[in-house]
Amino acid sequence: MDPFLLFAEAGRVAHARPIGEPVFSLKSSRRTVARTAAVVTAGAACAALMSGSAHAIVNGEDSTQSYPFMVSIPVAGAEDPTFKGVCGGTLIGSQWVLTAAHCVDPTLVTLDGTVRIGSAWKSSGGTVRNVAKTVTHPGYKNGEGSGPNRDDLALVRLDRPVTEKPLRIADKPGRPGTPTRLLGFGTTDDAPNPDGWVFPERLQELDTRRGAVSECAPGYADTTRLCTISRVPKAMACNGDSGGPQIQRDRKGRWELIGVTTGPGAPGVRCSEGPGLYTSAPAYTGWIHKTMGRNG
């Protein structure tokens, strides 16, 4: 599945494939016209870069509190740099951001070279840092529309530490039914025609819950990919939310990270139809800490 690329500039997504088709199969229209849709999805849509779960948050709401760990990652289409977009990410160390592998996949997108940390606004506020290095999980595989992405995780090392407080990765996700929340700058409208898509400057949030494996399509959710169900009707992450966080409360009421936006939880569904699919951060803590230690 290709990235839930969030189209940062809706006016440039006229060539993207209809939202009814998985934006996750971002196959740049240059390999095929579909791939431009993919790259549009990956480029213009890159804003939502999401190859496996919802696109940008549809029917969410403006952020209700400060999320100092929220990161926006500007990207452009790999085959057409005029397509501009953004992915999400989570600050998990003073110099480290966790995101989706498809958000740094050079066959899909080109990084702007900077990231913005801790702002409720996509293009202003917070702290801006340069990208010093990216490390993609060695098992990453893009489903390219035929299924879910595999090992869809990547780490971004910043050139300098930031003062924003990192988010702790949970020891494990809560059981099915556990309340969770999604954050992102993805499109808020999954209209069939890309001309109707709306990409907000303000960070959006959506209350969701852990879904059972059976609530996503067969073969999608497992121990490494979390099925996610909206607690609000006709709502889910969408184009431009890729790489962003799914969070839950710990026993003391503090937020902790459980998921990374990867794509839809079923083939061919519109964002608002759900479900969404999230790479389980707790399932990869060994790789995450080892990689940070080797590349610190």
Protein backbone atom coordinates (compact mmCIF):
# COMPACT_ATOMS: atom_id res chain seq x y z
CA MET A 1 0.00 0.00 0.00
CA ASP A 2 1.26 3.38 -0.79
CA PRO A 3 1.54 6.25 1.62
CA PHE A 4 -1.43 8.08 2.95
CA LEU A 5 0.19 11.08 1.44
CA LEU A 6 -1.54 14.14 2.59
CA PHE A 7 -2.02 16.64 -0.18
CA ALA A 8 -0.85 19.87 1.32
CA GLU A 9 -2.01 21.83 -1.67
CA ALA A 10 -5.46 20.65 -2.67
CA GLY A 11 -5.29 22.68 -5.83
CA ARG A 12 -2.51 20.45 -7.07
CA VAL A 13 -4.18 17.14 -6.56
CA ALA A 14 -6.33 17.24 -9.64
CA HIS A 15 -4.32 14.39 -11.12
CA ALA A 16 -4.56 12.18 -8.07
CA ARG A 17 -6.62 9.04 -8.11
CA PRO A 18 -10.13 9.18 -6.68
CA ILE A 19 -10.29 8.99 -2.93
CA GLY A 20 -12.32 5.84 -3.25
CA GLU A 21 -9.17 4.07 -4.37
CA PRO A 22 -6.46 3.40 -1.84
CA VAL A 23 -4.24 6.44 -1.71
CA PHE A 24 -1.91 4.09 -0.07
CA SER A 25 -0.84 2.59 -3.31
CA LEU A 26 0.90 5.73 -4.18
CA LYS A 27 2.24 4.62 -7.42
CA SER A 28 3.65 7.66 -8.93
CA SER A 29 1.82 8.49 -12.03
CA ARG A 30 5.01 8.23 -13.80
CA ARG A 31 5.38 4.59 -13.58
CA THR A 32 1.84 4.77 -14.59
CA VAL A 33 -0.60 7.56 -14.49
CA ALA A 34 -1.72 5.87 -11.36
CA ARG A 35 1.64 6.48 -9.87
CA THR A 36 1.27 10.18 -10.30
CA ALA A 37 -1.79 9.67 -8.33
CA ALA A 38 0.49 7.72 -6.15
CA VAL A 39 3.11 10.34 -6.20
CA VAL A 40 0.49 12.94 -6.03
CA THR A 41 -0.64 10.88 -3.22
CA ALA A 42 2.92 10.54 -2.48
CA GLY A 43 3.76 14.02 -3.47
CA ALA A 44 0.91 16.39 -3.36
CA ALA A 45 -0.86 13.88 -1.30
CA CYS A 46 2.35 13.37 0.42
CA ALA A 47 1.06 15.72 2.93
CA ALA A 48 -0.87 12.84 4.18
CA LEU A 49 1.66 10.19 3.32
CA MET A 50 -0.09 7.23 4.54
CA SER A 51 0.24 3.85 2.97
CA GLY A 52 -2.01 1.79 5.02
CA SER A 53 -4.43 3.61 7.19
CA ALA A 54 -6.65 6.54 6.78
CA HIS A 55 -5.54 9.61 4.88
CA ALA A 56 -5.92 12.90 6.71
CA ILE A 57 -8.24 13.18 9.64
CA VAL A 58 -11.81 13.39 8.36
CA ASN A 59 -14.47 14.61 10.82
CA GLY A 60 -11.93 15.18 13.57
CA GLU A 61 -11.64 18.50 15.42
CA ASP A 62 -9.08 21.21 16.05
CA SER A 63 -6.52 20.11 18.63
CA THR A 64 -7.84 20.67 22.15
CA GLN A 65 -4.51 20.72 23.96
CA SER A 66 -0.78 21.06 23.41
CA TYR A 67 1.06 18.08 21.91
CA PRO A 68 4.75 19.00 22.18
CA PHE A 69 5.74 15.67 20.65
CA MET A 70 3.80 16.21 17.39
CA VAL A 71 6.01 16.57 14.31
CA SER A 72 5.22 17.69 10.75
CA ILE A 73 7.55 16.50 7.99
CA PRO A 74 7.37 18.44 4.68
CA VAL A 75 7.79 16.27 1.56
CA ALA A 76 7.55 16.56 -2.22
CA GLY A 77 6.76 14.00 -4.90
CA ALA A 78 9.82 11.97 -5.88
CA GLU A 79 8.97 12.11 -9.57
CA ASP A 80 7.38 15.54 -9.57
CA PRO A 81 8.86 18.00 -7.03
CA THR A 82 6.05 20.49 -7.72
CA PHE A 83 3.75 18.30 -5.65
CA LYS A 84 4.12 19.38 -2.05
CA GLY A 85 2.84 17.56 1.00
CA VAL A 86 3.53 16.57 4.58
CA CYS A 87 3.74 13.52 6.79
CA GLY A 88 3.37 13.29 10.53
CA GLY A 89 5.83 12.05 13.11
CA THR A 90 6.35 11.68 16.86
CA LEU A 91 9.24 13.04 18.91
CA ILE A 92 10.48 10.05 20.93
CA GLY A 93 13.88 11.44 21.97
CA SER A 94 15.42 14.92 22.16
CA GLN A 95 16.96 14.29 18.73
CA TRP A 96 14.77 11.52 17.30
CA VAL A 97 11.45 11.36 15.43
CA LEU A 98 9.50 8.18 14.68
CA THR A 99 7.48 8.14 11.44
CA ALA A 100 6.30 5.75 8.71
CA ALA A 101 8.88 4.23 6.36
CA HIS A 102 6.83 5.23 3.33
CA CYS A 103 7.17 8.86 4.46
CA VAL A 104 10.92 8.70 3.76
CA ASP A 105 10.79 6.22 0.87
CA PRO A 106 12.87 7.85 -1.92
CA THR A 107 10.83 6.09 -4.62
CA LEU A 108 7.76 7.95 -3.36
CA VAL A 109 8.88 11.24 -1.85
CA THR A 110 11.73 13.65 -1.33
CA LEU A 111 12.18 15.19 2.11
CA ASP A 112 12.21 18.95 2.41
CA GLY A 113 15.17 18.52 4.77
CA THR A 114 13.50 20.04 7.83
CA VAL A 115 10.84 19.08 10.37
CA ARG A 116 8.68 21.17 12.71
CA ILE A 117 8.22 19.97 16.28
CA GLY A 118 5.60 20.82 18.88
CA SER A 119 3.33 23.18 16.96
CA ALA A 120 -0.44 23.07 16.51
CA TRP A 121 0.16 24.71 13.13
CA LYS A 122 1.59 22.96 10.11
CA SER A 123 3.62 25.89 8.78
CA SER A 124 4.47 28.01 11.81
CA GLY A 125 5.42 27.85 15.47
CA GLY A 126 7.22 25.14 17.37
CA THR A 127 10.86 24.30 16.71
CA VAL A 128 12.33 23.70 13.26
CA ARG A 129 15.30 21.37 12.87
CA ASN A 130 17.22 19.97 9.92
CA VAL A 131 17.14 16.26 9.12
CA ALA A 132 20.59 14.78 9.78
CA LYS A 133 19.76 11.16 8.93
CA THR A 134 16.92 8.75 8.27
CA VAL A 135 16.92 5.03 9.06
CA THR A 136 14.22 2.79 7.59
CA HIS A 137 13.29 -0.55 9.13
CA PRO A 138 15.12 -3.25 7.11
CA GLY A 139 11.92 -5.26 6.67
CA TYR A 140 9.88 -2.42 5.20
CA LYS A 141 7.79 -3.31 2.18
CA ASN A 142 5.17 -1.13 0.53
CA GLY A 143 1.97 -3.06 -0.17
CA GLU A 144 1.37 -0.94 -3.30
CA GLY A 145 -2.39 -1.36 -3.07
CA SER A 146 -2.36 -5.14 -2.81
CA GLY A 147 -2.30 -5.26 0.97
CA PRO A 148 -0.92 -3.54 4.08
CA ASN A 149 2.58 -2.12 4.32
CA ARG A 150 5.05 -4.29 6.21
CA ASP A 151 7.39 -3.00 8.95
CA ASP A 152 6.32 0.54 8.02
CA LEU A 153 8.59 2.44 10.41
CA ALA A 154 11.50 4.84 10.08
CA LEU A 155 13.56 7.01 12.41
CA VAL A 156 14.64 10.57 11.66
CA ARG A 157 17.65 11.98 13.52
CA LEU A 158 17.66 15.75 13.95
CA ASP A 159 20.80 17.84 13.53
CA ARG A 160 20.39 19.22 17.06
CA PRO A 161 18.35 18.31 20.16
CA VAL A 162 15.09 20.13 20.90
CA THR A 163 13.61 21.23 24.21
CA GLU A 164 10.12 19.82 23.56
CA LYS A 165 9.29 16.80 25.72
CA PRO A 166 9.44 13.47 23.84
CA LEU A 167 6.56 11.01 24.06
CA ARG A 168 7.14 7.69 25.77
CA ILE A 169 6.42 4.53 23.78
CA ALA A 170 3.89 2.35 25.62
CA ASP A 171 4.98 -1.03 26.94
CA LYS A 172 2.06 -2.48 24.97
CA PRO A 173 -1.12 -1.29 23.28
CA GLY A 174 -4.32 -1.50 25.29
CA ARG A 175 -6.74 -4.32 24.58
CA PRO A 176 -9.41 -3.97 21.87
CA GLY A 177 -11.84 -1.31 22.99
CA THR A 178 -9.17 0.83 24.69
CA PRO A 179 -9.71 4.58 23.98
CA THR A 180 -7.04 6.11 21.75
CA ARG A 181 -6.50 9.36 19.85
CA LEU A 182 -5.13 10.18 16.39
CA LEU A 183 -3.30 13.39 15.45
CA GLY A 184 -2.51 14.79 12.02
CA PHE A 185 -2.53 17.54 9.42
CA GLY A 186 -4.21 15.39 6.74
CA THR A 187 -7.22 16.29 4.63
CA THR A 188 -10.47 16.81 6.50
CA ASP A 189 -12.70 15.89 3.56
CA ASP A 190 -12.55 12.62 1.63
CA ALA A 191 -14.75 13.82 -1.22
CA PRO A 192 -14.57 11.56 -4.32
CA ASN A 193 -13.13 14.47 -6.32
CA PRO A 194 -9.71 15.63 -5.05
CA ASP A 195 -10.80 19.21 -5.75
CA GLY A 196 -12.99 18.89 -2.67
CA TRP A 197 -10.21 17.90 -0.31
CA VAL A 198 -9.35 20.37 2.44
CA PHE A 199 -5.96 20.45 4.18
CA PRO A 200 -5.94 22.34 7.48
CA GLU A 201 -3.17 24.46 8.91
CA ARG A 202 -4.41 23.61 12.40
CA LEU A 203 -3.57 20.21 13.89
CA GLN A 204 -6.56 17.86 13.98
CA GLU A 205 -7.38 15.16 16.53
CA LEU A 206 -9.83 12.28 16.53
CA ASP A 207 -10.93 10.01 19.35
CA THR A 208 -10.73 6.35 18.39
CA ARG A 209 -10.41 2.93 19.99
CA ARG A 210 -8.29 -0.17 19.54
CA GLY A 211 -10.12 -2.49 17.21
CA ALA A 212 -10.05 -6.27 17.22
CA VAL A 213 -8.03 -7.98 14.48
CA SER A 214 -11.33 -9.12 12.95
CA GLU A 215 -12.52 -5.52 12.53
CA CYS A 216 -9.94 -4.92 9.79
CA ALA A 217 -9.73 -6.86 6.53
CA PRO A 218 -8.24 -10.38 6.71
CA GLY A 219 -4.44 -10.22 6.73
CA TYR A 220 -4.25 -6.54 7.69
CA ALA A 221 -4.09 -6.39 11.49
CA ASP A 222 -1.79 -8.61 13.56
CA THR A 223 0.73 -8.26 16.40
CA THR A 224 2.64 -5.55 14.49
CA ARG A 225 -0.30 -3.65 12.93
CA LEU A 226 -3.15 -2.25 15.01
CA CYS A 227 -6.71 -2.10 13.72
CA THR A 228 -8.21 1.26 14.68
CA ILE A 229 -11.89 2.21 14.82
CA SER A 230 -13.30 5.74 15.09
CA ARG A 231 -15.52 6.64 18.04
CA VAL A 232 -17.01 9.39 15.88
CA PRO A 233 -19.29 8.55 12.92
CA LYS A 234 -17.77 8.79 9.43
CA ALA A 235 -14.30 9.71 10.67
CA MET A 236 -10.71 8.43 10.37
CA ALA A 237 -7.20 9.53 9.43
CA CYS A 238 -6.71 10.34 5.76
CA ASN A 239 -4.29 11.66 3.07
CA GLY A 240 -1.50 13.53 4.80
CA ASP A 241 -1.71 11.82 8.19
CA SER A 242 0.84 9.11 7.40
CA GLY A 243 3.53 8.64 10.02
CA GLY A 244 1.56 10.51 12.67
CA PRO A 245 0.82 9.22 16.19
CA GLN A 246 -1.89 7.10 17.72
CA ILE A 247 -1.80 7.68 21.47
CA GLN A 248 -3.44 6.27 24.60
CA ARG A 249 -3.49 7.21 28.30
CA ASP A 250 -1.27 5.36 30.76
CA ARG A 251 -2.37 4.52 34.31
CA LYS A 252 -1.48 8.02 35.46
CA GLY A 253 -3.45 9.68 32.67
CA ARG A 254 -0.42 10.66 30.62
CA TRP A 255 -0.26 10.19 26.87
CA GLU A 256 1.93 7.41 25.49
CA LEU A 257 2.57 6.26 21.92
CA ILE A 258 1.11 3.02 20.58
CA GLY A 259 0.77 3.47 16.81
CA VAL A 260 2.18 5.08 13.67
CA THR A 261 -0.26 5.87 10.84
CA THR A 262 0.39 3.49 7.95
CA GLY A 263 -2.80 3.20 5.86
CA PRO A 264 -6.35 1.88 5.60
CA GLY A 265 -7.46 -1.22 7.43
CA ALA A 266 -9.26 -2.60 4.40
CA PRO A 267 -8.71 -2.29 0.62
CA GLY A 268 -10.49 0.38 -1.40
CA VAL A 269 -12.28 2.14 1.46
CA ARG A 270 -12.74 5.89 1.74
CA CYS A 271 -11.16 7.47 4.80
CA SER A 272 -14.48 8.16 6.51
CA GLU A 273 -15.53 4.53 6.07
CA GLY A 274 -12.54 3.26 8.05
CA PRO A 275 -11.06 1.28 9.64
CA GLY A 276 -7.49 2.54 9.94
CA LEU A 277 -4.26 0.61 10.29
CA TYR A 278 -1.37 1.62 12.55
CA THR A 279 2.09 0.13 12.93
CA SER A 280 2.47 -0.91 16.57
CA ALA A 281 5.30 1.12 18.11
CA PRO A 282 5.57 -1.18 21.17
CA ALA A 283 6.18 -4.15 18.87
CA TYR A 284 9.32 -2.45 17.55
CA THR A 285 10.86 -0.96 20.70
CA GLY A 286 13.88 -3.26 20.41
CA TRP A 287 14.68 -2.09 16.89
CA ILE A 288 13.94 1.54 17.76
CA HIS A 289 16.27 1.69 20.78
CA LYS A 290 19.01 -0.29 19.06
CA THR A 291 18.89 1.99 16.02
CA MET A 292 18.96 5.15 18.10
CA GLY A 293 21.92 3.81 20.07
CA ARG A 294 23.90 2.95 16.94
CA ASN A 295 23.19 6.24 15.21
CA GLY A 296 23.21 8.68 18.10
